[in-house]
């Protein structure tokens, strides 16, 4: 069997211009909120501030920290292994 070279960025999120897809999602959400509320100018400023703060958090936190935070608050289902994401005590 011959070894196969695997690229290091195979699991990396998709890129959109300079940002990764998880950095673009809050921008799109704030843009939609700005259109709906009529405060688009303020949302443009807030979009880049939130994106910059998120990028700073993402570079200092461990890999998977954002998914862990989403799981902890019950927003993300980590594979469906646990029925209740809000339960903090599991007795086996």
C-alpha atoms as a PDB file:
ATOM      1  CA  UNK A   1       0.000   0.000   0.000  1.00  0.00           C
ATOM      2  CA  UNK A   2       1.404   3.393  -0.958  1.00  0.00           C
ATOM      3  CA  UNK A   3       1.159   6.353   1.404  1.00  0.00           C
ATOM      4  CA  UNK A   4      -1.119   9.194   0.372  1.00  0.00           C
ATOM      5  CA  UNK A   5      -0.325  12.833   1.129  1.00  0.00           C
ATOM      6  CA  UNK A   6      -3.157  14.559   2.956  1.00  0.00           C
ATOM      7  CA  UNK A   7      -3.362  18.356   2.885  1.00  0.00           C
ATOM      8  CA  UNK A   8      -3.233  20.074   6.278  1.00  0.00           C
ATOM      9  CA  UNK A   9      -6.253  22.263   5.573  1.00  0.00           C
ATOM     10  CA  UNK A  10      -8.648  19.459   4.638  1.00  0.00           C
ATOM     11  CA  UNK A  11     -10.895  20.205   7.641  1.00  0.00           C
ATOM     12  CA  UNK A  12     -10.597  23.987   7.416  1.00  0.00           C
ATOM     13  CA  UNK A  13     -13.826  25.976   6.946  1.00  0.00           C
ATOM     14  CA  UNK A  14     -14.627  27.449   3.538  1.00  0.00           C
ATOM     15  CA  UNK A  15     -13.097  30.827   2.707  1.00  0.00           C
ATOM     16  CA  UNK A  16     -15.121  33.802   1.513  1.00  0.00           C
ATOM     17  CA  UNK A  17     -12.736  36.606   0.456  1.00  0.00           C
ATOM     18  CA  UNK A  18     -10.585  37.239   3.555  1.00  0.00           C
ATOM     19  CA  UNK A  19     -12.847  35.535   6.087  1.00  0.00           C
ATOM     20  CA  UNK A  20     -13.820  31.983   6.905  1.00  0.00           C
ATOM     21  CA  UNK A  21     -17.470  31.017   6.610  1.00  0.00           C
ATOM     22  CA  UNK A  22     -18.037  31.060  10.384  1.00  0.00           C
ATOM     23  CA  UNK A  23     -16.766  34.659  10.496  1.00  0.00           C
ATOM     24  CA  UNK A  24     -19.116  35.716   7.683  1.00  0.00           C
ATOM     25  CA  UNK A  25     -22.273  34.338   9.345  1.00  0.00           C
ATOM     26  CA  UNK A  26     -22.514  37.093  12.011  1.00  0.00           C
ATOM     27  CA  UNK A  27     -21.876  39.684   9.305  1.00  0.00           C
ATOM     28  CA  UNK A  28     -24.769  38.403   7.232  1.00  0.00           C
ATOM     29  CA  UNK A  29     -27.025  38.254  10.282  1.00  0.00           C
ATOM     30  CA  UNK A  30     -26.210  41.826  11.307  1.00  0.00           C
ATOM     31  CA  UNK A  31     -26.658  42.995   7.706  1.00  0.00           C
ATOM     32  CA  UNK A  32     -30.132  41.454   7.601  1.00  0.00           C
ATOM     33  CA  UNK A  33     -30.974  42.979  10.985  1.00  0.00           C
ATOM     34  CA  UNK A  34     -29.785  46.382   9.750  1.00  0.00           C
ATOM     35  CA  UNK A  35     -31.964  46.144   6.653  1.00  0.00           C
ATOM     36  CA  UNK A  36     -35.013  45.127   8.685  1.00  0.00           C
ATOM     37  CA  UNK A  37     -34.607  47.845  11.307  1.00  0.00           C
ATOM     38  CA  UNK A  38     -33.405  50.599   8.957  1.00  0.00           C
ATOM     39  CA  UNK A  39     -30.110  51.069  10.811  1.00  0.00           C
ATOM     40  CA  UNK A  40     -27.796  49.773   8.114  1.00  0.00           C
ATOM     41  CA  UNK A  41     -25.046  52.341   8.730  1.00  0.00           C
ATOM     42  CA  UNK A  42     -24.727  51.386  12.387  1.00  0.00           C
ATOM     43  CA  UNK A  43     -24.818  47.704  11.525  1.00  0.00           C
ATOM     44  CA  UNK A  44     -21.926  48.079   9.066  1.00  0.00           C
ATOM     45  CA  UNK A  45     -19.778  49.428  11.880  1.00  0.00           C
ATOM     46  CA  UNK A  46     -21.024  46.747  14.262  1.00  0.00           C
ATOM     47  CA  UNK A  47     -20.419  44.025  11.655  1.00  0.00           C
ATOM     48  CA  UNK A  48     -16.717  44.720  11.444  1.00  0.00           C
ATOM     49  CA  UNK A  49     -16.317  45.190  15.200  1.00  0.00           C
ATOM     50  CA  UNK A  50     -18.068  41.886  15.947  1.00  0.00           C
ATOM     51  CA  UNK A  51     -16.081  40.100  13.239  1.00  0.00           C
ATOM     52  CA  UNK A  52     -12.795  41.462  14.580  1.00  0.00           C
ATOM     53  CA  UNK A  53     -13.662  40.422  18.142  1.00  0.00           C
ATOM     54  CA  UNK A  54     -14.704  36.969  16.943  1.00  0.00           C
ATOM     55  CA  UNK A  55     -11.454  36.571  14.975  1.00  0.00           C
ATOM     56  CA  UNK A  56      -9.443  37.529  18.062  1.00  0.00           C
ATOM     57  CA  UNK A  57     -11.374  35.028  20.186  1.00  0.00           C
ATOM     58  CA  UNK A  58     -10.988  32.307  17.594  1.00  0.00           C
ATOM     59  CA  UNK A  59      -7.203  32.713  17.384  1.00  0.00           C
ATOM     60  CA  UNK A  60      -6.724  32.597  21.177  1.00  0.00           C
ATOM     61  CA  UNK A  61      -9.212  29.815  21.981  1.00  0.00           C
ATOM     62  CA  UNK A  62      -8.610  26.122  21.477  1.00  0.00           C
ATOM     63  CA  UNK A  63      -9.846  24.373  18.365  1.00  0.00           C
ATOM     64  CA  UNK A  64     -13.544  23.516  18.715  1.00  0.00           C
ATOM     65  CA  UNK A  65     -14.179  26.051  21.490  1.00  0.00           C
ATOM     66  CA  UNK A  66     -16.946  27.783  19.539  1.00  0.00           C
ATOM     67  CA  UNK A  67     -18.779  24.500  18.920  1.00  0.00           C
ATOM     68  CA  UNK A  68     -18.380  23.657  22.599  1.00  0.00           C
ATOM     69  CA  UNK A  69     -19.944  26.983  23.598  1.00  0.00           C
ATOM     70  CA  UNK A  70     -22.843  26.359  21.210  1.00  0.00           C
ATOM     71  CA  UNK A  71     -23.290  22.859  22.628  1.00  0.00           C
ATOM     72  CA  UNK A  72     -23.133  24.145  26.218  1.00  0.00           C
ATOM     73  CA  UNK A  73     -25.981  26.568  25.557  1.00  0.00           C
ATOM     74  CA  UNK A  74     -28.056  23.896  23.804  1.00  0.00           C
ATOM     75  CA  UNK A  75     -27.816  25.384  20.291  1.00  0.00           C
ATOM     76  CA  UNK A  76     -25.617  22.717  18.673  1.00  0.00           C
ATOM     77  CA  UNK A  77     -26.255  18.961  18.843  1.00  0.00           C
ATOM     78  CA  UNK A  78     -22.924  17.166  19.120  1.00  0.00           C
ATOM     79  CA  UNK A  79     -23.770  14.093  17.097  1.00  0.00           C
ATOM     80  CA  UNK A  80     -26.983  13.243  18.905  1.00  0.00           C
ATOM     81  CA  UNK A  81     -25.292  11.199  21.621  1.00  0.00           C
ATOM     82  CA  UNK A  82     -27.001  13.050  24.445  1.00  0.00           C
ATOM     83  CA  UNK A  83     -30.729  13.597  24.451  1.00  0.00           C
ATOM     84  CA  UNK A  84     -30.655  16.760  26.555  1.00  0.00           C
ATOM     85  CA  UNK A  85     -27.829  19.244  25.984  1.00  0.00           C
ATOM     86  CA  UNK A  86     -28.866  21.242  29.042  1.00  0.00           C
ATOM     87  CA  UNK A  87     -28.373  18.356  31.508  1.00  0.00           C
ATOM     88  CA  UNK A  88     -25.156  18.810  33.485  1.00  0.00           C
ATOM     89  CA  UNK A  89     -25.210  15.523  35.429  1.00  0.00           C
ATOM     90  CA  UNK A  90     -25.246  12.115  33.746  1.00  0.00           C
ATOM     91  CA  UNK A  91     -25.601   9.000  35.896  1.00  0.00           C
ATOM     92  CA  UNK A  92     -24.680   5.726  34.245  1.00  0.00           C
END
